[in-house]
N, C-alpha and C. Protein backbone atom coordinates (compact mmCIF):
# COMPACT_ATOMS: atom_id res chain seq x y z
N MET A 1 0.83 -1.21 0.00
CA MET A 1 0.00 0.00 0.00
C MET A 1 0.86 1.25 0.00
N ASP A 2 1.94 1.24 0.83
CA ASP A 2 2.83 2.40 0.87
C ASP A 2 3.49 2.63 -0.48
N ASN A 3 3.83 1.51 -1.17
CA ASN A 3 4.44 1.62 -2.49
C ASN A 3 3.49 2.24 -3.49
N VAL A 4 2.22 1.83 -3.43
CA VAL A 4 1.20 2.39 -4.32
C VAL A 4 1.03 3.88 -4.06
N LYS A 5 1.00 4.26 -2.77
CA LYS A 5 0.84 5.66 -2.41
C LYS A 5 2.03 6.50 -2.88
N SER A 6 3.23 5.97 -2.70
CA SER A 6 4.42 6.72 -3.12
C SER A 6 4.45 6.87 -4.63
N ASN A 7 4.01 5.83 -5.37
CA ASN A 7 3.95 5.93 -6.83
C ASN A 7 2.92 6.97 -7.27
N THR A 8 1.80 7.05 -6.54
CA THR A 8 0.77 8.04 -6.85
C THR A 8 1.31 9.45 -6.64
N VAL A 9 2.02 9.65 -5.54
CA VAL A 9 2.62 10.97 -5.26
C VAL A 9 3.66 11.31 -6.32
N LEU A 10 4.49 10.31 -6.67
CA LEU A 10 5.51 10.53 -7.70
C LEU A 10 4.87 10.91 -9.03
N ARG A 11 3.83 10.21 -9.40
CA ARG A 11 3.12 10.47 -10.66
C ARG A 11 2.57 11.88 -10.68
N PHE A 12 1.91 12.29 -9.59
CA PHE A 12 1.34 13.63 -9.52
C PHE A 12 2.44 14.69 -9.59
N ALA A 13 3.54 14.46 -8.90
CA ALA A 13 4.64 15.43 -8.89
C ALA A 13 5.26 15.59 -10.27
N VAL A 14 5.48 14.48 -10.95
CA VAL A 14 6.09 14.54 -12.28
C VAL A 14 5.15 15.23 -13.27
N LEU A 15 3.87 14.88 -13.24
CA LEU A 15 2.90 15.52 -14.12
C LEU A 15 2.82 17.01 -13.86
N THR A 16 2.80 17.40 -12.60
CA THR A 16 2.71 18.81 -12.25
C THR A 16 3.94 19.58 -12.71
N LEU A 17 5.12 18.99 -12.51
CA LEU A 17 6.36 19.64 -12.95
C LEU A 17 6.39 19.78 -14.47
N MET A 18 5.92 18.78 -15.19
CA MET A 18 5.88 18.87 -16.65
C MET A 18 4.93 19.97 -17.11
N VAL A 19 3.77 20.04 -16.49
CA VAL A 19 2.79 21.08 -16.84
C VAL A 19 3.37 22.46 -16.56
N ALA A 20 3.98 22.63 -15.39
CA ALA A 20 4.55 23.94 -15.03
C ALA A 20 5.69 24.33 -15.97
N ALA A 21 6.53 23.36 -16.31
CA ALA A 21 7.67 23.65 -17.19
C ALA A 21 7.21 24.06 -18.58
N VAL A 22 6.24 23.35 -19.12
CA VAL A 22 5.75 23.68 -20.46
C VAL A 22 4.99 25.00 -20.46
N ALA A 23 4.23 25.27 -19.40
CA ALA A 23 3.55 26.57 -19.30
C ALA A 23 4.56 27.71 -19.29
N ALA A 24 5.71 27.49 -18.64
CA ALA A 24 6.74 28.52 -18.57
C ALA A 24 7.39 28.78 -19.92
N LEU A 25 7.29 27.82 -20.85
CA LEU A 25 7.89 28.00 -22.17
C LEU A 25 7.19 29.10 -22.98
N ARG A 26 6.04 29.56 -22.51
CA ARG A 26 5.38 30.69 -23.18
C ARG A 26 6.27 31.93 -23.19
N TRP A 27 7.26 31.98 -22.28
CA TRP A 27 8.16 33.12 -22.22
C TRP A 27 9.07 33.21 -23.44
N LEU A 28 9.22 32.11 -24.16
CA LEU A 28 10.12 32.12 -25.31
C LEU A 28 9.78 33.23 -26.30
N ALA A 29 8.49 33.39 -26.56
CA ALA A 29 8.06 34.39 -27.55
C ALA A 29 8.43 35.80 -27.14
N TYR A 30 8.61 36.03 -25.83
CA TYR A 30 8.89 37.38 -25.33
C TYR A 30 10.36 37.59 -25.01
N LEU A 31 11.12 36.50 -24.88
CA LEU A 31 12.53 36.60 -24.54
C LEU A 31 13.44 36.58 -25.77
N VAL A 32 12.95 35.99 -26.85
CA VAL A 32 13.76 35.94 -28.08
C VAL A 32 13.76 37.32 -28.74
N PRO A 33 14.90 37.86 -29.09
CA PRO A 33 14.97 39.17 -29.75
C PRO A 33 14.13 39.21 -31.02
N SER A 34 13.46 40.33 -31.25
CA SER A 34 12.54 40.45 -32.38
C SER A 34 13.23 40.37 -33.73
N ASP A 35 14.55 40.62 -33.77
CA ASP A 35 15.24 40.58 -35.06
C ASP A 35 15.76 39.18 -35.40
N TRP A 36 15.53 38.21 -34.53
CA TRP A 36 15.92 36.83 -34.83
C TRP A 36 14.94 36.25 -35.87
N ALA A 37 15.45 35.40 -36.74
CA ALA A 37 14.62 34.84 -37.81
C ALA A 37 13.46 34.02 -37.26
N ILE A 38 13.66 33.41 -36.09
CA ILE A 38 12.63 32.54 -35.53
C ILE A 38 11.53 33.32 -34.81
N ALA A 39 11.76 34.60 -34.51
CA ALA A 39 10.83 35.37 -33.70
C ALA A 39 9.39 35.39 -34.23
N PRO A 40 9.16 35.61 -35.55
CA PRO A 40 7.77 35.64 -36.03
C PRO A 40 7.03 34.33 -35.82
N TYR A 41 7.77 33.22 -35.76
CA TYR A 41 7.13 31.91 -35.61
C TYR A 41 6.79 31.60 -34.15
N LEU A 42 7.32 32.36 -33.23
CA LEU A 42 7.05 32.13 -31.81
C LEU A 42 5.82 32.87 -31.31
N HIS A 43 5.32 33.84 -32.10
CA HIS A 43 4.12 34.57 -31.69
C HIS A 43 2.93 33.61 -31.69
N ASN A 44 2.28 33.50 -30.55
CA ASN A 44 1.15 32.57 -30.35
C ASN A 44 1.56 31.11 -30.44
N PHE A 45 2.86 30.83 -30.38
CA PHE A 45 3.33 29.45 -30.34
C PHE A 45 3.23 29.01 -28.88
N ALA A 46 2.00 28.72 -28.46
CA ALA A 46 1.71 28.53 -27.04
C ALA A 46 1.22 27.12 -26.75
N PRO A 47 1.41 26.63 -25.53
CA PRO A 47 1.06 25.25 -25.19
C PRO A 47 -0.31 25.08 -24.55
N ILE A 48 -1.21 26.06 -24.71
CA ILE A 48 -2.46 26.02 -23.94
C ILE A 48 -3.28 24.77 -24.24
N THR A 49 -3.53 24.48 -25.51
CA THR A 49 -4.29 23.29 -25.86
C THR A 49 -3.59 22.03 -25.38
N ALA A 50 -2.27 21.99 -25.56
CA ALA A 50 -1.50 20.81 -25.15
C ALA A 50 -1.62 20.57 -23.65
N LEU A 51 -1.56 21.64 -22.86
CA LEU A 51 -1.69 21.50 -21.41
C LEU A 51 -3.04 20.91 -21.03
N ALA A 52 -4.10 21.39 -21.67
CA ALA A 52 -5.45 20.91 -21.36
C ALA A 52 -5.61 19.44 -21.74
N LEU A 53 -5.16 19.07 -22.92
CA LEU A 53 -5.28 17.67 -23.36
C LEU A 53 -4.44 16.74 -22.49
N PHE A 54 -3.22 17.16 -22.21
CA PHE A 54 -2.32 16.34 -21.39
C PHE A 54 -2.85 16.18 -19.99
N GLY A 55 -3.30 17.27 -19.38
CA GLY A 55 -3.86 17.19 -18.04
C GLY A 55 -5.07 16.29 -17.98
N GLY A 56 -5.97 16.45 -18.96
CA GLY A 56 -7.17 15.62 -18.98
C GLY A 56 -6.87 14.14 -19.13
N ALA A 57 -5.85 13.83 -19.94
CA ALA A 57 -5.56 12.43 -20.24
C ALA A 57 -4.70 11.75 -19.17
N LYS A 58 -3.86 12.51 -18.46
CA LYS A 58 -2.85 11.86 -17.64
C LYS A 58 -3.07 11.96 -16.13
N PHE A 59 -3.68 13.01 -15.63
CA PHE A 59 -3.92 13.07 -14.19
C PHE A 59 -4.98 12.05 -13.81
N THR A 60 -4.79 11.41 -12.67
CA THR A 60 -5.69 10.34 -12.26
C THR A 60 -7.07 10.87 -11.91
N ARG A 61 -7.13 11.91 -11.11
CA ARG A 61 -8.40 12.44 -10.63
C ARG A 61 -8.83 13.61 -11.52
N TRP A 62 -10.14 13.70 -11.74
CA TRP A 62 -10.64 14.71 -12.67
C TRP A 62 -10.33 16.12 -12.20
N TYR A 63 -10.39 16.36 -10.86
CA TYR A 63 -10.16 17.72 -10.38
C TYR A 63 -8.68 18.10 -10.51
N GLU A 64 -7.78 17.12 -10.41
CA GLU A 64 -6.37 17.40 -10.67
C GLU A 64 -6.18 17.74 -12.15
N ALA A 65 -6.86 16.97 -13.01
CA ALA A 65 -6.75 17.19 -14.45
C ALA A 65 -7.22 18.58 -14.85
N LEU A 66 -8.18 19.10 -14.13
CA LEU A 66 -8.70 20.44 -14.43
C LEU A 66 -7.89 21.53 -13.77
N VAL A 67 -7.64 21.39 -12.47
CA VAL A 67 -7.06 22.49 -11.69
C VAL A 67 -5.60 22.74 -12.03
N VAL A 68 -4.79 21.70 -12.11
CA VAL A 68 -3.35 21.91 -12.30
C VAL A 68 -3.03 22.60 -13.62
N PRO A 69 -3.51 22.11 -14.78
CA PRO A 69 -3.21 22.81 -16.04
C PRO A 69 -3.84 24.20 -16.11
N LEU A 70 -5.07 24.34 -15.56
CA LEU A 70 -5.73 25.64 -15.62
C LEU A 70 -4.99 26.67 -14.78
N VAL A 71 -4.56 26.29 -13.59
CA VAL A 71 -3.79 27.20 -12.74
C VAL A 71 -2.48 27.59 -13.43
N ALA A 72 -1.82 26.62 -14.08
CA ALA A 72 -0.57 26.92 -14.78
C ALA A 72 -0.82 27.91 -15.91
N ALA A 73 -1.91 27.73 -16.66
CA ALA A 73 -2.22 28.64 -17.77
C ALA A 73 -2.55 30.04 -17.25
N ILE A 74 -3.37 30.12 -16.20
CA ILE A 74 -3.75 31.42 -15.64
C ILE A 74 -2.53 32.11 -15.05
N ALA A 75 -1.68 31.36 -14.36
CA ALA A 75 -0.48 31.95 -13.76
C ALA A 75 0.45 32.53 -14.82
N SER A 76 0.63 31.81 -15.93
CA SER A 76 1.49 32.32 -16.99
C SER A 76 0.89 33.56 -17.63
N ASP A 77 -0.43 33.56 -17.85
CA ASP A 77 -1.10 34.74 -18.40
C ASP A 77 -0.98 35.94 -17.46
N ALA A 78 -1.21 35.69 -16.18
CA ALA A 78 -1.16 36.77 -15.19
C ALA A 78 0.24 37.37 -15.09
N THR A 79 1.25 36.50 -15.13
CA THR A 79 2.62 36.99 -15.06
C THR A 79 2.97 37.85 -16.26
N LEU A 80 2.59 37.40 -17.44
CA LEU A 80 2.85 38.18 -18.65
C LEU A 80 2.11 39.52 -18.61
N HIS A 81 0.91 39.52 -18.04
CA HIS A 81 0.14 40.77 -17.93
C HIS A 81 0.80 41.73 -16.95
N VAL A 82 1.15 41.23 -15.77
CA VAL A 82 1.72 42.09 -14.73
C VAL A 82 3.05 42.69 -15.18
N LEU A 83 3.85 41.91 -15.89
CA LEU A 83 5.16 42.38 -16.34
C LEU A 83 5.09 43.19 -17.64
N GLY A 84 3.89 43.34 -18.18
CA GLY A 84 3.72 44.22 -19.33
C GLY A 84 3.97 43.60 -20.68
N PHE A 85 4.14 42.28 -20.75
CA PHE A 85 4.39 41.64 -22.03
C PHE A 85 3.10 41.38 -22.81
N ALA A 86 2.02 41.08 -22.12
CA ALA A 86 0.75 40.78 -22.78
C ALA A 86 -0.38 41.36 -21.93
N ARG A 87 -0.48 42.66 -21.95
CA ARG A 87 -1.46 43.35 -21.09
C ARG A 87 -2.88 43.21 -21.61
N LEU A 88 -3.82 43.13 -20.68
CA LEU A 88 -5.24 43.23 -20.99
C LEU A 88 -5.66 44.66 -20.67
N GLU A 89 -6.05 45.39 -21.70
CA GLU A 89 -6.22 46.83 -21.55
C GLU A 89 -7.61 47.26 -21.11
N ASN A 90 -8.62 46.42 -21.29
CA ASN A 90 -9.98 46.83 -20.94
C ASN A 90 -10.81 45.61 -20.58
N VAL A 91 -12.06 45.89 -20.18
CA VAL A 91 -12.94 44.81 -19.73
C VAL A 91 -13.22 43.82 -20.85
N ALA A 92 -13.37 44.32 -22.08
CA ALA A 92 -13.66 43.44 -23.21
C ALA A 92 -12.54 42.43 -23.42
N GLU A 93 -11.30 42.88 -23.31
CA GLU A 93 -10.17 41.96 -23.48
C GLU A 93 -10.10 40.95 -22.34
N ILE A 94 -10.48 41.37 -21.14
CA ILE A 94 -10.52 40.44 -20.01
C ILE A 94 -11.57 39.36 -20.25
N ILE A 95 -12.74 39.77 -20.76
CA ILE A 95 -13.79 38.80 -21.06
C ILE A 95 -13.34 37.84 -22.15
N GLN A 96 -12.63 38.37 -23.15
CA GLN A 96 -12.10 37.50 -24.20
C GLN A 96 -11.15 36.46 -23.62
N GLN A 97 -10.31 36.88 -22.69
CA GLN A 97 -9.38 35.95 -22.05
C GLN A 97 -10.13 34.91 -21.23
N LEU A 98 -11.16 35.35 -20.50
CA LEU A 98 -11.95 34.41 -19.71
C LEU A 98 -12.64 33.38 -20.59
N SER A 99 -13.06 33.79 -21.78
CA SER A 99 -13.73 32.86 -22.69
C SER A 99 -12.79 31.73 -23.11
N THR A 100 -11.49 32.04 -23.21
CA THR A 100 -10.53 30.98 -23.56
C THR A 100 -10.39 29.99 -22.41
N TYR A 101 -10.52 30.46 -21.17
CA TYR A 101 -10.44 29.54 -20.04
C TYR A 101 -11.65 28.61 -20.00
N VAL A 102 -12.81 29.13 -20.39
CA VAL A 102 -14.01 28.29 -20.45
C VAL A 102 -13.80 27.18 -21.47
N PHE A 103 -13.26 27.54 -22.63
CA PHE A 103 -13.00 26.52 -23.64
C PHE A 103 -11.88 25.59 -23.20
N PHE A 104 -10.95 26.10 -22.42
CA PHE A 104 -9.87 25.27 -21.85
C PHE A 104 -10.47 24.11 -21.07
N VAL A 105 -11.51 24.39 -20.28
CA VAL A 105 -12.17 23.34 -19.51
C VAL A 105 -12.75 22.27 -20.44
N ALA A 106 -13.31 22.72 -21.57
CA ALA A 106 -13.86 21.76 -22.54
C ALA A 106 -12.76 20.87 -23.11
N VAL A 107 -11.59 21.44 -23.36
CA VAL A 107 -10.49 20.65 -23.91
C VAL A 107 -9.97 19.64 -22.88
N VAL A 108 -9.97 20.04 -21.60
CA VAL A 108 -9.63 19.07 -20.56
C VAL A 108 -10.60 17.89 -20.63
N GLY A 109 -11.87 18.18 -20.88
CA GLY A 109 -12.87 17.12 -21.02
C GLY A 109 -12.55 16.20 -22.19
N ILE A 110 -12.06 16.76 -23.29
CA ILE A 110 -11.65 15.93 -24.43
C ILE A 110 -10.49 15.02 -24.03
N GLY A 111 -9.56 15.59 -23.25
CA GLY A 111 -8.45 14.78 -22.75
C GLY A 111 -8.93 13.63 -21.89
N ARG A 112 -9.95 13.87 -21.07
CA ARG A 112 -10.49 12.79 -20.23
C ARG A 112 -11.11 11.68 -21.09
N LEU A 113 -11.75 12.07 -22.20
CA LEU A 113 -12.35 11.08 -23.08
C LEU A 113 -11.27 10.22 -23.75
N LEU A 114 -10.10 10.81 -23.96
CA LEU A 114 -9.00 10.08 -24.60
C LEU A 114 -8.21 9.25 -23.61
N ARG A 115 -8.46 9.44 -22.34
CA ARG A 115 -7.66 8.82 -21.28
C ARG A 115 -7.59 7.31 -21.43
N GLY A 116 -6.36 6.79 -21.53
CA GLY A 116 -6.16 5.36 -21.70
C GLY A 116 -6.33 4.87 -23.12
N ARG A 117 -6.73 5.78 -24.03
CA ARG A 117 -6.94 5.39 -25.43
C ARG A 117 -6.13 6.28 -26.37
N GLU A 118 -5.06 6.89 -25.84
CA GLU A 118 -4.27 7.79 -26.67
C GLU A 118 -3.49 7.02 -27.73
N ASN A 119 -3.57 7.50 -28.95
CA ASN A 119 -2.65 7.07 -30.00
C ASN A 119 -2.37 8.29 -30.88
N VAL A 120 -1.46 8.14 -31.82
CA VAL A 120 -1.01 9.30 -32.59
C VAL A 120 -2.18 9.94 -33.34
N LEU A 121 -2.99 9.13 -34.02
CA LEU A 121 -4.08 9.69 -34.81
C LEU A 121 -5.08 10.43 -33.94
N ARG A 122 -5.49 9.82 -32.83
CA ARG A 122 -6.46 10.47 -31.94
C ARG A 122 -5.91 11.77 -31.36
N MET A 123 -4.63 11.76 -30.98
CA MET A 123 -4.05 12.95 -30.39
C MET A 123 -3.92 14.07 -31.42
N VAL A 124 -3.55 13.71 -32.65
CA VAL A 124 -3.45 14.74 -33.71
C VAL A 124 -4.82 15.34 -33.99
N LEU A 125 -5.84 14.49 -34.12
CA LEU A 125 -7.19 14.98 -34.40
C LEU A 125 -7.72 15.83 -33.24
N ALA A 126 -7.48 15.37 -32.01
CA ALA A 126 -7.94 16.13 -30.84
C ALA A 126 -7.23 17.48 -30.77
N THR A 127 -5.94 17.51 -31.08
CA THR A 127 -5.18 18.76 -31.04
C THR A 127 -5.66 19.73 -32.10
N ILE A 128 -5.81 19.25 -33.33
CA ILE A 128 -6.27 20.12 -34.43
C ILE A 128 -7.66 20.66 -34.13
N GLY A 129 -8.56 19.78 -33.70
CA GLY A 129 -9.92 20.23 -33.38
C GLY A 129 -9.96 21.23 -32.25
N SER A 130 -9.17 21.00 -31.21
CA SER A 130 -9.15 21.90 -30.06
C SER A 130 -8.53 23.25 -30.42
N THR A 131 -7.47 23.23 -31.23
CA THR A 131 -6.84 24.49 -31.64
C THR A 131 -7.80 25.32 -32.47
N ILE A 132 -8.48 24.68 -33.40
CA ILE A 132 -9.46 25.40 -34.21
C ILE A 132 -10.59 25.93 -33.32
N GLY A 133 -11.01 25.13 -32.34
CA GLY A 133 -12.05 25.59 -31.42
C GLY A 133 -11.62 26.81 -30.64
N PHE A 134 -10.37 26.82 -30.11
CA PHE A 134 -9.86 28.00 -29.43
C PHE A 134 -9.88 29.21 -30.36
N TRP A 135 -9.45 29.01 -31.59
CA TRP A 135 -9.40 30.10 -32.57
C TRP A 135 -10.79 30.65 -32.84
N ILE A 136 -11.77 29.76 -33.00
CA ILE A 136 -13.15 30.20 -33.26
C ILE A 136 -13.70 30.99 -32.08
N VAL A 137 -13.54 30.46 -30.87
CA VAL A 137 -14.07 31.12 -29.68
C VAL A 137 -13.40 32.47 -29.45
N SER A 138 -12.08 32.51 -29.56
CA SER A 138 -11.34 33.74 -29.31
C SER A 138 -11.70 34.84 -30.30
N ASN A 139 -11.78 34.47 -31.56
CA ASN A 139 -12.08 35.49 -32.57
C ASN A 139 -13.55 35.90 -32.58
N PHE A 140 -14.43 34.98 -32.19
CA PHE A 140 -15.83 35.36 -32.04
C PHE A 140 -15.98 36.39 -30.92
N THR A 141 -15.30 36.14 -29.80
CA THR A 141 -15.35 37.09 -28.69
C THR A 141 -14.72 38.42 -29.08
N TYR A 142 -13.63 38.36 -29.85
CA TYR A 142 -12.99 39.60 -30.33
C TYR A 142 -13.98 40.38 -31.19
N TRP A 143 -14.62 39.71 -32.14
CA TRP A 143 -15.60 40.38 -33.01
C TRP A 143 -16.75 40.97 -32.20
N LEU A 144 -17.24 40.23 -31.22
CA LEU A 144 -18.41 40.65 -30.47
C LEU A 144 -18.11 41.79 -29.50
N LEU A 145 -16.95 41.75 -28.84
CA LEU A 145 -16.70 42.67 -27.74
C LEU A 145 -15.48 43.58 -27.92
N VAL A 146 -14.41 43.06 -28.51
CA VAL A 146 -13.14 43.76 -28.47
C VAL A 146 -12.93 44.68 -29.66
N SER A 147 -13.37 44.29 -30.85
CA SER A 147 -13.00 45.02 -32.06
C SER A 147 -13.40 46.49 -32.01
N GLU A 148 -14.52 46.78 -31.38
CA GLU A 148 -14.97 48.17 -31.34
C GLU A 148 -14.14 49.04 -30.39
N THR A 149 -13.30 48.40 -29.58
CA THR A 149 -12.44 49.16 -28.67
C THR A 149 -11.05 49.40 -29.25
N VAL A 150 -10.75 48.82 -30.41
CA VAL A 150 -9.43 48.94 -31.03
C VAL A 150 -9.36 50.24 -31.83
N ALA A 151 -8.24 50.95 -31.67
CA ALA A 151 -8.11 52.26 -32.32
C ALA A 151 -8.00 52.15 -33.83
N GLU A 152 -7.32 51.11 -34.35
CA GLU A 152 -7.13 50.99 -35.78
C GLU A 152 -8.43 50.58 -36.46
N PRO A 153 -8.95 51.39 -37.39
CA PRO A 153 -10.25 51.08 -38.01
C PRO A 153 -10.27 49.78 -38.79
N GLN A 154 -9.12 49.33 -39.30
CA GLN A 154 -9.11 48.10 -40.08
C GLN A 154 -9.37 46.87 -39.23
N PHE A 155 -9.28 47.04 -37.91
CA PHE A 155 -9.55 45.93 -37.01
C PHE A 155 -10.92 46.06 -36.34
N ASN A 156 -11.75 46.98 -36.81
CA ASN A 156 -13.12 47.12 -36.34
C ASN A 156 -14.04 46.37 -37.29
N TYR A 157 -14.88 45.52 -36.76
CA TYR A 157 -15.77 44.73 -37.60
C TYR A 157 -17.21 44.96 -37.18
N PRO A 158 -18.11 45.24 -38.16
CA PRO A 158 -19.52 45.48 -37.82
C PRO A 158 -20.17 44.23 -37.24
N LYS A 159 -21.19 44.44 -36.43
CA LYS A 159 -21.87 43.32 -35.77
C LYS A 159 -22.90 42.72 -36.74
N THR A 160 -22.37 42.18 -37.82
CA THR A 160 -23.18 41.51 -38.83
C THR A 160 -22.48 40.20 -39.18
N LEU A 161 -23.19 39.33 -39.90
CA LEU A 161 -22.57 38.08 -40.33
C LEU A 161 -21.37 38.35 -41.22
N GLU A 162 -21.49 39.37 -42.07
CA GLU A 162 -20.37 39.73 -42.95
C GLU A 162 -19.18 40.21 -42.12
N GLY A 163 -19.47 40.97 -41.06
CA GLY A 163 -18.40 41.43 -40.20
C GLY A 163 -17.71 40.28 -39.49
N LEU A 164 -18.49 39.30 -39.03
CA LEU A 164 -17.92 38.14 -38.37
C LEU A 164 -17.04 37.34 -39.33
N MET A 165 -17.55 37.14 -40.55
CA MET A 165 -16.76 36.39 -41.54
C MET A 165 -15.47 37.14 -41.88
N ALA A 166 -15.57 38.48 -41.97
CA ALA A 166 -14.37 39.28 -42.25
C ALA A 166 -13.35 39.14 -41.12
N CYS A 167 -13.84 39.09 -39.90
CA CYS A 167 -12.96 38.91 -38.74
C CYS A 167 -12.24 37.57 -38.81
N TYR A 168 -12.99 36.51 -39.13
CA TYR A 168 -12.36 35.20 -39.23
C TYR A 168 -11.35 35.12 -40.37
N VAL A 169 -11.70 35.72 -41.50
CA VAL A 169 -10.77 35.72 -42.64
C VAL A 169 -9.48 36.45 -42.28
N ALA A 170 -9.62 37.60 -41.62
CA ALA A 170 -8.43 38.37 -41.22
C ALA A 170 -7.59 37.61 -40.19
N ALA A 171 -8.24 36.74 -39.42
CA ALA A 171 -7.53 36.01 -38.37
C ALA A 171 -6.90 34.71 -38.86
N LEU A 172 -7.17 34.30 -40.09
CA LEU A 172 -6.64 33.03 -40.59
C LEU A 172 -5.11 32.94 -40.51
N PRO A 173 -4.36 34.00 -40.85
CA PRO A 173 -2.90 33.88 -40.74
C PRO A 173 -2.42 33.63 -39.31
N PHE A 174 -3.25 33.98 -38.34
CA PHE A 174 -2.85 33.80 -36.94
C PHE A 174 -3.19 32.41 -36.41
N LEU A 175 -3.72 31.55 -37.27
CA LEU A 175 -4.02 30.18 -36.86
C LEU A 175 -2.81 29.28 -37.02
N ARG A 176 -1.87 29.66 -37.88
CA ARG A 176 -0.72 28.79 -38.18
C ARG A 176 0.13 28.51 -36.94
N ASN A 177 0.60 29.56 -36.28
CA ASN A 177 1.51 29.37 -35.15
C ASN A 177 0.89 28.58 -34.00
N PRO A 178 -0.37 28.90 -33.59
CA PRO A 178 -0.97 28.08 -32.53
C PRO A 178 -1.10 26.61 -32.93
N MET A 179 -1.43 26.35 -34.20
CA MET A 179 -1.58 24.97 -34.64
C MET A 179 -0.25 24.22 -34.55
N ILE A 180 0.80 24.85 -35.07
CA ILE A 180 2.13 24.21 -35.01
C ILE A 180 2.57 24.05 -33.56
N GLY A 181 2.37 25.10 -32.76
CA GLY A 181 2.77 25.05 -31.37
C GLY A 181 2.05 23.96 -30.60
N ASP A 182 0.73 23.86 -30.77
CA ASP A 182 -0.03 22.85 -30.05
C ASP A 182 0.40 21.44 -30.44
N LEU A 183 0.62 21.20 -31.73
CA LEU A 183 1.06 19.88 -32.17
C LEU A 183 2.44 19.53 -31.60
N CYS A 184 3.33 20.53 -31.59
CA CYS A 184 4.68 20.31 -31.04
C CYS A 184 4.62 20.03 -29.55
N TYR A 185 3.86 20.84 -28.81
CA TYR A 185 3.80 20.67 -27.36
C TYR A 185 3.08 19.38 -26.96
N VAL A 186 2.06 18.98 -27.72
CA VAL A 186 1.41 17.70 -27.45
C VAL A 186 2.42 16.57 -27.61
N GLY A 187 3.24 16.65 -28.67
CA GLY A 187 4.27 15.65 -28.87
C GLY A 187 5.28 15.64 -27.74
N VAL A 188 5.69 16.83 -27.29
CA VAL A 188 6.66 16.94 -26.20
C VAL A 188 6.09 16.36 -24.90
N LEU A 189 4.86 16.73 -24.56
CA LEU A 189 4.28 16.30 -23.30
C LEU A 189 3.99 14.80 -23.29
N PHE A 190 3.25 14.32 -24.28
CA PHE A 190 2.89 12.91 -24.28
C PHE A 190 4.11 12.02 -24.56
N GLY A 191 4.96 12.48 -25.49
CA GLY A 191 6.17 11.71 -25.76
C GLY A 191 7.13 11.72 -24.58
N GLY A 192 7.27 12.88 -23.95
CA GLY A 192 8.14 12.98 -22.79
C GLY A 192 7.66 12.13 -21.64
N TYR A 193 6.34 12.09 -21.44
CA TYR A 193 5.83 11.28 -20.33
C TYR A 193 5.96 9.79 -20.63
N ALA A 194 5.79 9.41 -21.90
CA ALA A 194 5.99 8.01 -22.27
C ALA A 194 7.43 7.59 -22.00
N LEU A 195 8.37 8.47 -22.31
CA LEU A 195 9.78 8.18 -22.02
C LEU A 195 10.02 8.09 -20.52
N ALA A 196 9.39 8.99 -19.76
CA ALA A 196 9.57 8.99 -18.31
C ALA A 196 9.05 7.70 -17.69
N THR A 197 7.95 7.16 -18.22
CA THR A 197 7.42 5.91 -17.65
C THR A 197 8.34 4.73 -17.94
N ARG A 198 9.14 4.83 -19.00
CA ARG A 198 10.11 3.76 -19.27
C ARG A 198 11.26 3.82 -18.26
N LEU A 199 11.64 5.06 -17.93
CA LEU A 199 12.75 5.23 -16.99
C LEU A 199 12.31 5.02 -15.55
N LEU A 200 11.04 5.38 -15.26
CA LEU A 200 10.51 5.25 -13.90
C LEU A 200 9.20 4.46 -13.97
N PRO A 201 9.27 3.14 -13.92
CA PRO A 201 8.05 2.32 -14.04
C PRO A 201 6.98 2.66 -13.01
N GLY A 202 7.36 3.25 -11.88
CA GLY A 202 6.38 3.61 -10.86
C GLY A 202 5.40 4.66 -11.32
N LEU A 203 5.70 5.35 -12.44
CA LEU A 203 4.79 6.36 -12.97
C LEU A 203 3.58 5.74 -13.67
N ARG A 204 3.70 4.48 -14.03
CA ARG A 204 2.63 3.86 -14.79
C ARG A 204 1.41 3.68 -13.91
N GLU A 205 0.30 4.16 -14.41
CA GLU A 205 -0.96 4.03 -13.67
C GLU A 205 -1.53 2.65 -13.89
N LYS A 206 -1.88 1.98 -12.81
CA LYS A 206 -2.43 0.65 -12.92
C LYS A 206 -3.86 0.74 -13.44
N PRO A 207 -4.22 -0.09 -14.43
CA PRO A 207 -5.58 -0.08 -14.95
C PRO A 207 -6.60 -0.48 -13.87
N VAL A 208 -7.76 0.14 -13.91
CA VAL A 208 -8.81 -0.17 -12.94
C VAL A 208 -9.60 -1.36 -13.45
N VAL A 209 -9.70 -2.41 -12.65
CA VAL A 209 -10.44 -3.60 -13.03
C VAL A 209 -11.81 -3.56 -12.40
N ALA A 210 -12.84 -3.62 -13.23
CA ALA A 210 -14.22 -3.56 -12.72
C ALA A 210 -14.55 -4.84 -11.96
N MET A 211 -15.22 -4.69 -10.83
CA MET A 211 -15.62 -5.83 -10.01
C MET A 211 -16.89 -6.42 -10.56
N ALA A 212 -16.98 -7.73 -10.59
CA ALA A 212 -18.18 -8.39 -11.09
C ALA A 212 -19.30 -8.26 -10.09
């Protein structure tokens, strides 16, 4: 029993450290000099979807799967805001940010559905679908609430179907980096944890056997 408990603690600690470390990688986009060739590719190259999927699939308890990745994401956002790297300037932008956290919870749910059934195809499809979902939700909220607060008129969109479609079309170039980033981070997290379980067999979660 003590061995099982120690393995459970070890598993939680390793998962938490991995989530925290990957969340901290969001700083790359702000620490790399803007004149470096790689800099444009780091904008929005963020692990948010990967954190939600990984947390949902790998933490044993559902509340751990939700709380740990969500706290890591909020902490990284708050730090970037406080230090002036990614400020939220008004209430509309705050609401837009909160809407991404709501969708984050949904992606954790997708991770729970994949739990124990992860394979490359399922993870790629889940990542692509979740990234597109984040993009749809974020840009819908921008069109609905934020665009009218932006000083540049080219980023103001009328509250019509045509305005919404124009907003999505204008946002298409900004889908590339999140998509690449999410796929890369999903590979790093799930691949890294698979490697860790080979090195530390105690990390492997024992399958639950249903009682007759």
